[in-house]
Amino acid sequence: MEQLLEIPEVRSFILHWGEMGNHWGVNRSVAQVHALLYLSDRPLHAEEITIGLGLARSNVSTALKELQSYAIVRRVHVEADRRDHFIAETDLWDMLMKIVSERKKREIDPTIQMLGGLAEQLEGRTDVPEHVTQRIQRMHEFIGTLGHWYDDVRRLPKSTLVTLMKLGSKVSRFLPGKSKD
């Protein structure tokens, strides 16, 4: 692993991934641990990660638990070594789908539930301005539709999803009422 970390582009990738993690709502250390494991060609144990990244052991332990909860890092055992070792998901599509699934479960699903409850509470109320009730109901419907769309899309085969992604806006040619320029 020391040789890996001597490569300037590897260090740049790890630092950048950590910075981007902050923008994505992920702790910098978590993102850096993920970046190192993603680039590693072999399983790493926590002490290697701690030394390699210069992080506190507790930060590495917390990061590994968080990454495992997203299912993008998993624990493996190495023969003749009693320590736990870790590897990252390297299939980018699988990694994306696991992250999005977990984010939906943590962020979107509770929001849909909360908005649904608010919409129910507001139903028939005359002491609340109508626009407040309508906007909460519209937000509930919008985020609910987004959640259902994700559930539908994630059931598609990976090959179909990749094709759709590569098509980009060209997919609109297949929709009714769209011009076929």
N, C-alpha and C. Protein backbone atom coordinates (compact mmCIF):
# COMPACT_ATOMS: atom_id res chain seq x y z
N MET A 1 0.82 -1.19 0.00
CA MET A 1 0.00 0.00 0.00
C MET A 1 0.86 1.26 0.00
N GLU A 2 2.04 1.18 0.63
CA GLU A 2 2.91 2.36 0.65
C GLU A 2 3.25 2.82 -0.77
N GLN A 3 3.50 1.85 -1.66
CA GLN A 3 3.81 2.21 -3.05
C GLN A 3 2.63 2.91 -3.71
N LEU A 4 1.43 2.45 -3.41
CA LEU A 4 0.23 3.06 -3.96
C LEU A 4 0.14 4.52 -3.53
N LEU A 5 0.39 4.78 -2.26
CA LEU A 5 0.26 6.14 -1.73
C LEU A 5 1.41 7.07 -2.14
N GLU A 6 2.45 6.50 -2.74
CA GLU A 6 3.55 7.33 -3.25
C GLU A 6 3.22 7.92 -4.62
N ILE A 7 2.18 7.44 -5.25
CA ILE A 7 1.79 7.94 -6.57
C ILE A 7 1.01 9.24 -6.38
N PRO A 8 1.52 10.36 -6.92
CA PRO A 8 0.86 11.67 -6.70
C PRO A 8 -0.60 11.69 -7.13
N GLU A 9 -0.94 11.01 -8.21
CA GLU A 9 -2.33 10.99 -8.68
C GLU A 9 -3.24 10.26 -7.70
N VAL A 10 -2.71 9.24 -7.04
CA VAL A 10 -3.47 8.51 -6.03
C VAL A 10 -3.76 9.44 -4.86
N ARG A 11 -2.73 10.15 -4.39
CA ARG A 11 -2.92 11.10 -3.28
C ARG A 11 -3.94 12.18 -3.68
N SER A 12 -3.82 12.67 -4.92
CA SER A 12 -4.77 13.70 -5.39
C SER A 12 -6.19 13.17 -5.42
N PHE A 13 -6.35 11.94 -5.91
CA PHE A 13 -7.68 11.34 -5.95
C PHE A 13 -8.27 11.23 -4.55
N ILE A 14 -7.49 10.72 -3.61
CA ILE A 14 -7.96 10.54 -2.24
C ILE A 14 -8.33 11.88 -1.61
N LEU A 15 -7.48 12.89 -1.80
CA LEU A 15 -7.79 14.22 -1.24
C LEU A 15 -9.04 14.82 -1.88
N HIS A 16 -9.13 14.70 -3.20
CA HIS A 16 -10.30 15.25 -3.89
C HIS A 16 -11.58 14.52 -3.47
N TRP A 17 -11.52 13.19 -3.37
CA TRP A 17 -12.69 12.40 -2.97
C TRP A 17 -13.14 12.84 -1.58
N GLY A 18 -12.18 13.13 -0.71
CA GLY A 18 -12.52 13.62 0.63
C GLY A 18 -13.21 14.97 0.57
N GLU A 19 -12.71 15.87 -0.27
CA GLU A 19 -13.33 17.19 -0.43
C GLU A 19 -14.74 17.05 -1.00
N MET A 20 -14.89 16.19 -2.01
CA MET A 20 -16.21 16.00 -2.62
C MET A 20 -17.17 15.36 -1.61
N GLY A 21 -16.66 14.49 -0.77
CA GLY A 21 -17.49 13.89 0.27
C GLY A 21 -18.19 14.95 1.09
N ASN A 22 -17.46 16.00 1.45
CA ASN A 22 -18.08 17.10 2.21
C ASN A 22 -19.24 17.71 1.45
N HIS A 23 -19.09 17.88 0.15
CA HIS A 23 -20.17 18.45 -0.67
C HIS A 23 -21.37 17.50 -0.77
N TRP A 24 -21.12 16.21 -0.68
CA TRP A 24 -22.17 15.22 -0.79
C TRP A 24 -22.79 14.88 0.56
N GLY A 25 -22.34 15.55 1.62
CA GLY A 25 -22.86 15.28 2.95
C GLY A 25 -22.23 14.08 3.62
N VAL A 26 -21.01 13.74 3.19
CA VAL A 26 -20.28 12.61 3.76
C VAL A 26 -19.03 13.17 4.43
N ASN A 27 -18.71 12.66 5.60
CA ASN A 27 -17.52 13.07 6.32
C ASN A 27 -16.28 12.87 5.45
N ARG A 28 -15.36 13.84 5.52
CA ARG A 28 -14.13 13.79 4.72
C ARG A 28 -13.36 12.48 4.94
N SER A 29 -13.21 12.07 6.19
CA SER A 29 -12.46 10.84 6.49
C SER A 29 -13.13 9.62 5.87
N VAL A 30 -14.44 9.58 5.92
CA VAL A 30 -15.19 8.46 5.33
C VAL A 30 -14.90 8.38 3.84
N ALA A 31 -14.96 9.52 3.16
CA ALA A 31 -14.71 9.55 1.72
C ALA A 31 -13.27 9.18 1.40
N GLN A 32 -12.32 9.62 2.21
CA GLN A 32 -10.91 9.28 1.96
C GLN A 32 -10.65 7.79 2.16
N VAL A 33 -11.24 7.22 3.19
CA VAL A 33 -11.09 5.77 3.41
C VAL A 33 -11.68 5.02 2.22
N HIS A 34 -12.83 5.47 1.76
CA HIS A 34 -13.44 4.83 0.60
C HIS A 34 -12.52 4.92 -0.62
N ALA A 35 -11.96 6.10 -0.86
CA ALA A 35 -11.09 6.30 -2.02
C ALA A 35 -9.88 5.37 -1.96
N LEU A 36 -9.27 5.26 -0.79
CA LEU A 36 -8.11 4.38 -0.66
C LEU A 36 -8.49 2.93 -0.93
N LEU A 37 -9.58 2.47 -0.34
CA LEU A 37 -9.99 1.09 -0.56
C LEU A 37 -10.38 0.85 -2.01
N TYR A 38 -11.00 1.83 -2.64
CA TYR A 38 -11.39 1.69 -4.04
C TYR A 38 -10.16 1.52 -4.94
N LEU A 39 -9.10 2.25 -4.65
CA LEU A 39 -7.90 2.18 -5.49
C LEU A 39 -6.99 1.00 -5.15
N SER A 40 -7.16 0.43 -3.97
CA SER A 40 -6.29 -0.66 -3.55
C SER A 40 -6.61 -1.94 -4.32
N ASP A 41 -5.56 -2.68 -4.67
CA ASP A 41 -5.76 -3.94 -5.39
C ASP A 41 -5.79 -5.13 -4.46
N ARG A 42 -5.81 -4.85 -3.15
CA ARG A 42 -5.88 -5.93 -2.17
C ARG A 42 -6.62 -5.43 -0.94
N PRO A 43 -7.14 -6.36 -0.14
CA PRO A 43 -7.81 -5.95 1.10
C PRO A 43 -6.83 -5.26 2.05
N LEU A 44 -7.32 -4.26 2.77
CA LEU A 44 -6.50 -3.52 3.74
C LEU A 44 -7.10 -3.66 5.13
N HIS A 45 -6.24 -3.73 6.14
CA HIS A 45 -6.76 -3.74 7.51
C HIS A 45 -6.74 -2.31 8.05
N ALA A 46 -7.46 -2.10 9.12
CA ALA A 46 -7.68 -0.75 9.65
C ALA A 46 -6.37 -0.02 9.98
N GLU A 47 -5.40 -0.75 10.50
CA GLU A 47 -4.13 -0.09 10.86
C GLU A 47 -3.41 0.44 9.62
N GLU A 48 -3.45 -0.32 8.52
CA GLU A 48 -2.85 0.16 7.27
C GLU A 48 -3.53 1.45 6.80
N ILE A 49 -4.84 1.46 6.91
CA ILE A 49 -5.60 2.64 6.48
C ILE A 49 -5.25 3.83 7.38
N THR A 50 -5.20 3.59 8.68
CA THR A 50 -4.87 4.64 9.65
C THR A 50 -3.52 5.26 9.34
N ILE A 51 -2.52 4.43 9.15
CA ILE A 51 -1.16 4.91 8.88
C ILE A 51 -1.09 5.57 7.50
N GLY A 52 -1.66 4.92 6.51
CA GLY A 52 -1.59 5.42 5.14
C GLY A 52 -2.23 6.78 4.96
N LEU A 53 -3.35 7.00 5.63
CA LEU A 53 -4.07 8.27 5.47
C LEU A 53 -3.76 9.27 6.58
N GLY A 54 -3.06 8.82 7.61
CA GLY A 54 -2.74 9.72 8.71
C GLY A 54 -3.97 10.13 9.50
N LEU A 55 -4.90 9.22 9.64
CA LEU A 55 -6.15 9.50 10.37
C LEU A 55 -6.09 8.82 11.74
N ALA A 56 -6.91 9.30 12.65
CA ALA A 56 -7.04 8.66 13.95
C ALA A 56 -7.70 7.30 13.77
N ARG A 57 -7.32 6.35 14.58
CA ARG A 57 -7.87 5.00 14.50
C ARG A 57 -9.39 5.02 14.67
N SER A 58 -9.87 5.89 15.57
CA SER A 58 -11.31 5.98 15.79
C SER A 58 -12.03 6.50 14.54
N ASN A 59 -11.41 7.43 13.81
CA ASN A 59 -12.01 7.94 12.56
C ASN A 59 -12.09 6.84 11.52
N VAL A 60 -11.05 6.03 11.44
CA VAL A 60 -11.04 4.94 10.46
C VAL A 60 -12.10 3.91 10.82
N SER A 61 -12.21 3.59 12.09
CA SER A 61 -13.21 2.63 12.54
C SER A 61 -14.62 3.12 12.23
N THR A 62 -14.88 4.39 12.52
CA THR A 62 -16.19 4.99 12.22
C THR A 62 -16.45 5.01 10.72
N ALA A 63 -15.42 5.36 9.95
CA ALA A 63 -15.56 5.41 8.49
C ALA A 63 -15.89 4.04 7.93
N LEU A 64 -15.20 3.02 8.41
CA LEU A 64 -15.45 1.66 7.92
C LEU A 64 -16.87 1.20 8.24
N LYS A 65 -17.37 1.54 9.41
CA LYS A 65 -18.75 1.18 9.76
C LYS A 65 -19.74 1.90 8.85
N GLU A 66 -19.49 3.18 8.60
CA GLU A 66 -20.38 3.95 7.72
C GLU A 66 -20.36 3.38 6.31
N LEU A 67 -19.19 3.08 5.79
CA LEU A 67 -19.08 2.55 4.42
C LEU A 67 -19.72 1.16 4.32
N GLN A 68 -19.62 0.38 5.37
CA GLN A 68 -20.27 -0.93 5.38
C GLN A 68 -21.79 -0.77 5.42
N SER A 69 -22.27 0.26 6.11
CA SER A 69 -23.72 0.46 6.17
C SER A 69 -24.29 0.83 4.80
N TYR A 70 -23.46 1.43 3.96
CA TYR A 70 -23.86 1.73 2.58
C TYR A 70 -23.65 0.53 1.67
N ALA A 71 -23.01 -0.51 2.18
CA ALA A 71 -22.71 -1.73 1.42
C ALA A 71 -21.76 -1.48 0.25
N ILE A 72 -20.91 -0.46 0.38
CA ILE A 72 -19.92 -0.21 -0.68
C ILE A 72 -18.52 -0.62 -0.21
N VAL A 73 -18.40 -1.05 1.03
CA VAL A 73 -17.18 -1.64 1.57
C VAL A 73 -17.62 -2.85 2.37
N ARG A 74 -16.84 -3.91 2.25
CA ARG A 74 -17.18 -5.09 3.04
C ARG A 74 -15.94 -5.67 3.70
N ARG A 75 -16.20 -6.36 4.80
CA ARG A 75 -15.13 -6.98 5.57
C ARG A 75 -14.81 -8.33 4.94
N VAL A 76 -13.54 -8.63 4.84
CA VAL A 76 -13.09 -9.93 4.34
C VAL A 76 -12.00 -10.44 5.27
N HIS A 77 -11.78 -11.72 5.20
CA HIS A 77 -10.73 -12.33 6.02
C HIS A 77 -9.60 -12.75 5.10
N VAL A 78 -8.40 -12.54 5.59
CA VAL A 78 -7.20 -12.92 4.86
C VAL A 78 -6.58 -14.09 5.60
N GLU A 79 -6.25 -15.12 4.85
CA GLU A 79 -5.69 -16.33 5.44
C GLU A 79 -4.45 -16.00 6.26
N ALA A 80 -4.36 -16.61 7.43
CA ALA A 80 -3.24 -16.47 8.35
C ALA A 80 -3.13 -15.08 8.97
N ASP A 81 -4.19 -14.31 8.92
CA ASP A 81 -4.21 -12.98 9.55
C ASP A 81 -5.54 -12.85 10.30
N ARG A 82 -5.46 -12.66 11.59
CA ARG A 82 -6.69 -12.62 12.40
C ARG A 82 -7.42 -11.28 12.31
N ARG A 83 -6.76 -10.27 11.75
CA ARG A 83 -7.40 -8.95 11.66
C ARG A 83 -8.45 -8.94 10.55
N ASP A 84 -9.43 -8.06 10.73
CA ASP A 84 -10.41 -7.84 9.68
C ASP A 84 -9.76 -6.98 8.60
N HIS A 85 -10.03 -7.33 7.37
CA HIS A 85 -9.56 -6.56 6.22
C HIS A 85 -10.79 -6.06 5.47
N PHE A 86 -10.59 -5.05 4.65
CA PHE A 86 -11.71 -4.42 3.98
C PHE A 86 -11.41 -4.20 2.51
N ILE A 87 -12.46 -4.37 1.70
CA ILE A 87 -12.36 -4.10 0.26
C ILE A 87 -13.56 -3.24 -0.13
N ALA A 88 -13.37 -2.47 -1.18
CA ALA A 88 -14.44 -1.61 -1.68
C ALA A 88 -15.09 -2.23 -2.91
N GLU A 89 -16.34 -1.89 -3.11
CA GLU A 89 -17.04 -2.24 -4.34
C GLU A 89 -16.32 -1.52 -5.47
N THR A 90 -15.98 -2.23 -6.53
CA THR A 90 -15.29 -1.59 -7.65
C THR A 90 -16.17 -1.47 -8.89
N ASP A 91 -17.32 -2.14 -8.89
CA ASP A 91 -18.26 -1.97 -9.99
C ASP A 91 -18.98 -0.64 -9.76
N LEU A 92 -18.68 0.33 -10.60
CA LEU A 92 -19.18 1.69 -10.38
C LEU A 92 -20.70 1.77 -10.40
N TRP A 93 -21.33 1.00 -11.27
CA TRP A 93 -22.78 1.03 -11.33
C TRP A 93 -23.38 0.46 -10.05
N ASP A 94 -22.85 -0.68 -9.58
CA ASP A 94 -23.34 -1.27 -8.34
C ASP A 94 -23.11 -0.32 -7.17
N MET A 95 -21.96 0.35 -7.16
CA MET A 95 -21.66 1.30 -6.10
C MET A 95 -22.68 2.44 -6.11
N LEU A 96 -22.95 2.99 -7.27
CA LEU A 96 -23.92 4.07 -7.39
C LEU A 96 -25.29 3.63 -6.89
N MET A 97 -25.73 2.46 -7.33
CA MET A 97 -27.06 1.98 -6.95
C MET A 97 -27.16 1.74 -5.43
N LYS A 98 -26.09 1.24 -4.83
CA LYS A 98 -26.10 1.01 -3.38
C LYS A 98 -26.15 2.34 -2.62
N ILE A 99 -25.40 3.32 -3.09
CA ILE A 99 -25.39 4.63 -2.43
C ILE A 99 -26.76 5.29 -2.57
N VAL A 100 -27.30 5.29 -3.77
CA VAL A 100 -28.61 5.92 -3.99
C VAL A 100 -29.69 5.21 -3.17
N SER A 101 -29.65 3.90 -3.12
CA SER A 101 -30.63 3.14 -2.35
C SER A 101 -30.57 3.51 -0.87
N GLU A 102 -29.38 3.60 -0.35
CA GLU A 102 -29.22 3.93 1.07
C GLU A 102 -29.63 5.37 1.34
N ARG A 103 -29.28 6.28 0.44
CA ARG A 103 -29.67 7.69 0.62
C ARG A 103 -31.19 7.82 0.57
N LYS A 104 -31.83 7.07 -0.35
CA LYS A 104 -33.30 7.10 -0.42
C LYS A 104 -33.89 6.63 0.90
N LYS A 105 -33.36 5.53 1.41
CA LYS A 105 -33.88 4.97 2.66
C LYS A 105 -33.69 5.95 3.82
N ARG A 106 -32.58 6.65 3.85
CA ARG A 106 -32.27 7.56 4.96
C ARG A 106 -32.91 8.94 4.82
N GLU A 107 -33.09 9.41 3.58
CA GLU A 107 -33.49 10.79 3.38
C GLU A 107 -34.87 10.95 2.73
N ILE A 108 -35.10 10.23 1.66
CA ILE A 108 -36.35 10.42 0.90
C ILE A 108 -37.53 9.74 1.59
N ASP A 109 -37.37 8.48 1.98
CA ASP A 109 -38.48 7.74 2.59
C ASP A 109 -39.02 8.43 3.85
N PRO A 110 -38.15 8.87 4.79
CA PRO A 110 -38.70 9.57 5.97
C PRO A 110 -39.39 10.88 5.61
N THR A 111 -38.91 11.56 4.57
CA THR A 111 -39.54 12.81 4.14
C THR A 111 -40.92 12.55 3.56
N ILE A 112 -41.05 11.50 2.76
CA ILE A 112 -42.36 11.13 2.21
C ILE A 112 -43.32 10.83 3.34
N GLN A 113 -42.86 10.07 4.32
CA GLN A 113 -43.72 9.70 5.45
C GLN A 113 -44.14 10.95 6.24
N MET A 114 -43.20 11.84 6.52
CA MET A 114 -43.51 13.05 7.28
C MET A 114 -44.48 13.93 6.52
N LEU A 115 -44.24 14.15 5.22
CA LEU A 115 -45.13 14.99 4.42
C LEU A 115 -46.53 14.38 4.31
N GLY A 116 -46.60 13.06 4.20
CA GLY A 116 -47.89 12.39 4.16
C GLY A 116 -48.68 12.63 5.44
N GLY A 117 -47.98 12.55 6.57
CA GLY A 117 -48.63 12.81 7.85
C GLY A 117 -49.11 14.25 7.95
N LEU A 118 -48.27 15.19 7.50
CA LEU A 118 -48.69 16.60 7.53
C LEU A 118 -49.89 16.84 6.62
N ALA A 119 -49.86 16.25 5.42
CA ALA A 119 -50.97 16.42 4.48
C ALA A 119 -52.27 15.90 5.10
N GLU A 120 -52.19 14.75 5.78
CA GLU A 120 -53.38 14.20 6.45
C GLU A 120 -53.88 15.15 7.54
N GLN A 121 -52.96 15.67 8.33
CA GLN A 121 -53.34 16.58 9.42
C GLN A 121 -53.98 17.86 8.90
N LEU A 122 -53.53 18.31 7.73
CA LEU A 122 -54.04 19.56 7.18
C LEU A 122 -55.35 19.40 6.43
N GLU A 123 -55.70 18.17 6.08
CA GLU A 123 -56.91 17.91 5.30
C GLU A 123 -58.15 18.44 6.04
N GLY A 124 -58.89 19.30 5.36
CA GLY A 124 -60.13 19.83 5.91
C GLY A 124 -59.95 20.96 6.91
N ARG A 125 -58.72 21.35 7.18
CA ARG A 125 -58.47 22.43 8.15
C ARG A 125 -58.80 23.76 7.50
N THR A 126 -59.49 24.61 8.24
CA THR A 126 -59.83 25.95 7.73
C THR A 126 -59.00 27.05 8.39
N ASP A 127 -58.25 26.68 9.43
CA ASP A 127 -57.45 27.67 10.14
C ASP A 127 -56.04 27.81 9.56
N VAL A 128 -55.77 27.07 8.52
CA VAL A 128 -54.46 27.12 7.85
C VAL A 128 -54.68 27.67 6.45
N PRO A 129 -53.83 28.62 6.03
CA PRO A 129 -54.00 29.16 4.67
C PRO A 129 -53.99 28.03 3.63
N GLU A 130 -54.88 28.12 2.67
CA GLU A 130 -55.03 27.09 1.63
C GLU A 130 -53.73 26.84 0.89
N HIS A 131 -52.96 27.90 0.63
CA HIS A 131 -51.71 27.71 -0.13
C HIS A 131 -50.71 26.85 0.64
N VAL A 132 -50.72 26.92 1.97
CA VAL A 132 -49.81 26.08 2.77
C VAL A 132 -50.20 24.61 2.60
N THR A 133 -51.48 24.33 2.73
CA THR A 133 -51.97 22.96 2.56
C THR A 133 -51.64 22.43 1.17
N GLN A 134 -51.89 23.24 0.14
CA GLN A 134 -51.62 22.82 -1.25
C GLN A 134 -50.14 22.56 -1.48
N ARG A 135 -49.31 23.43 -0.96
CA ARG A 135 -47.87 23.27 -1.20
C ARG A 135 -47.31 22.04 -0.50
N ILE A 136 -47.78 21.77 0.70
CA ILE A 136 -47.33 20.56 1.39
C ILE A 136 -47.83 19.33 0.65
N GLN A 137 -49.09 19.35 0.18
CA GLN A 137 -49.61 18.22 -0.58
C GLN A 137 -48.84 18.03 -1.88
N ARG A 138 -48.53 19.13 -2.58
CA ARG A 138 -47.78 19.02 -3.84
C ARG A 138 -46.37 18.50 -3.59
N MET A 139 -45.73 18.95 -2.50
CA MET A 139 -44.39 18.46 -2.18
C MET A 139 -44.44 16.97 -1.86
N HIS A 140 -45.48 16.55 -1.12
CA HIS A 140 -45.64 15.13 -0.80
C HIS A 140 -45.80 14.31 -2.09
N GLU A 141 -46.64 14.79 -2.98
CA GLU A 141 -46.87 14.09 -4.24
C GLU A 141 -45.59 14.06 -5.08
N PHE A 142 -44.88 15.17 -5.15
CA PHE A 142 -43.66 15.26 -5.96
C PHE A 142 -42.58 14.30 -5.44
N ILE A 143 -42.30 14.37 -4.16
CA ILE A 143 -41.25 13.51 -3.61
C ILE A 143 -41.69 12.05 -3.63
N GLY A 144 -42.99 11.81 -3.43
CA GLY A 144 -43.51 10.44 -3.56
C GLY A 144 -43.33 9.90 -4.97
N THR A 145 -43.59 10.74 -5.96
CA THR A 145 -43.40 10.34 -7.36
C THR A 145 -41.92 10.04 -7.62
N LEU A 146 -41.05 10.88 -7.10
CA LEU A 146 -39.61 10.66 -7.23
C LEU A 146 -39.21 9.32 -6.62
N GLY A 147 -39.73 9.03 -5.45
CA GLY A 147 -39.44 7.75 -4.80
C GLY A 147 -39.94 6.56 -5.60
N HIS A 148 -41.16 6.66 -6.12
CA HIS A 148 -41.71 5.57 -6.95
C HIS A 148 -40.93 5.41 -8.24
N TRP A 149 -40.52 6.54 -8.84
CA TRP A 149 -39.72 6.48 -10.07
C TRP A 149 -38.41 5.74 -9.80
N TYR A 150 -37.76 6.07 -8.70
CA TYR A 150 -36.51 5.38 -8.37
C TYR A 150 -36.76 3.88 -8.19
N ASP A 151 -37.83 3.53 -7.46
CA ASP A 151 -38.13 2.11 -7.24
C ASP A 151 -38.34 1.38 -8.57
N ASP A 152 -39.01 2.04 -9.53
CA ASP A 152 -39.23 1.44 -10.85
C ASP A 152 -37.91 1.29 -11.61
N VAL A 153 -37.11 2.34 -11.60
CA VAL A 153 -35.87 2.35 -12.38
C VAL A 153 -34.87 1.33 -11.84
N ARG A 154 -34.77 1.19 -10.54
CA ARG A 154 -33.76 0.28 -9.99
C ARG A 154 -34.06 -1.18 -10.29
N ARG A 155 -35.29 -1.48 -10.71
CA ARG A 155 -35.63 -2.86 -11.08
C ARG A 155 -35.18 -3.20 -12.51
N LEU A 156 -34.82 -2.19 -13.28
CA LEU A 156 -34.37 -2.44 -14.65
C LEU A 156 -33.01 -3.11 -14.64
N PRO A 157 -32.74 -3.94 -15.63
CA PRO A 157 -31.41 -4.55 -15.72
C PRO A 157 -30.33 -3.48 -15.89
N LYS A 158 -29.16 -3.77 -15.37
CA LYS A 158 -28.05 -2.82 -15.44
C LYS A 158 -27.79 -2.39 -16.89
N SER A 159 -27.84 -3.33 -17.82
CA SER A 159 -27.56 -3.00 -19.22
C SER A 159 -28.57 -1.97 -19.75
N THR A 160 -29.83 -2.09 -19.34
CA THR A 160 -30.85 -1.13 -19.77
C THR A 160 -30.58 0.24 -19.16
N LEU A 161 -30.21 0.26 -17.89
CA LEU A 161 -29.92 1.53 -17.21
C LEU A 161 -28.72 2.24 -17.85
N VAL A 162 -27.70 1.48 -18.18
CA VAL A 162 -26.52 2.07 -18.81
C VAL A 162 -26.89 2.64 -20.17
N THR A 163 -27.68 1.90 -20.93
CA THR A 163 -28.13 2.37 -22.24
C THR A 163 -28.95 3.65 -22.10
N LEU A 164 -29.87 3.69 -21.14
CA LEU A 164 -30.67 4.89 -20.91
C LEU A 164 -29.79 6.08 -20.54
N MET A 165 -28.82 5.84 -19.70
CA MET A 165 -27.94 6.92 -19.27
C MET A 165 -27.14 7.45 -20.46
N LYS A 166 -26.67 6.56 -21.31
CA LYS A 166 -25.90 6.99 -22.48
C LYS A 166 -26.77 7.72 -23.50
N LEU A 167 -28.04 7.36 -23.55
CA LEU A 167 -28.96 8.04 -24.47
C LEU A 167 -29.18 9.49 -24.05
N GLY A 168 -29.18 9.75 -22.75
CA GLY A 168 -29.39 11.11 -22.26
C GLY A 168 -30.71 11.67 -22.75
N SER A 169 -30.68 12.90 -23.24
CA SER A 169 -31.91 13.56 -23.67
C SER A 169 -32.50 12.94 -24.94
N LYS A 170 -31.72 12.12 -25.64
CA LYS A 170 -32.22 11.47 -26.85
C LYS A 170 -33.39 10.53 -26.54
N VAL A 171 -33.51 10.13 -25.28
CA VAL A 171 -34.60 9.23 -24.90
C VAL A 171 -35.96 9.88 -25.14
N SER A 172 -36.00 11.21 -25.15
CA SER A 172 -37.28 11.90 -25.36
C SER A 172 -37.87 11.60 -26.74
N ARG A 173 -37.05 11.17 -27.68
CA ARG A 173 -37.56 10.81 -29.02
C ARG A 173 -38.57 9.67 -28.96
N PHE A 174 -38.47 8.86 -27.89
CA PHE A 174 -39.34 7.70 -27.78
C PHE A 174 -40.62 7.99 -27.01
N LEU A 175 -40.78 9.22 -26.54
CA LEU A 175 -41.97 9.59 -25.77
C LEU A 175 -43.06 10.11 -26.69
N PRO A 176 -44.32 9.79 -26.37
CA PRO A 176 -45.42 10.28 -27.21
C PRO A 176 -45.47 11.81 -27.19
N GLY A 177 -45.79 12.38 -28.36
CA GLY A 177 -45.95 13.83 -28.47
C GLY A 177 -44.66 14.59 -28.64
N LYS A 178 -43.54 13.91 -28.68
CA LYS A 178 -42.25 14.59 -28.86
C LYS A 178 -41.86 14.52 -30.33
N SER A 179 -41.23 15.58 -30.80
CA SER A 179 -40.77 15.58 -32.20
C SER A 179 -39.57 14.65 -32.32
N LYS A 180 -39.40 14.11 -33.50
CA LYS A 180 -38.29 13.16 -33.75
C LYS A 180 -37.23 13.83 -34.61
N ASP A 181 -36.74 15.03 -34.16
CA ASP A 181 -35.73 15.77 -34.95
C ASP A 181 -34.53 14.93 -35.22
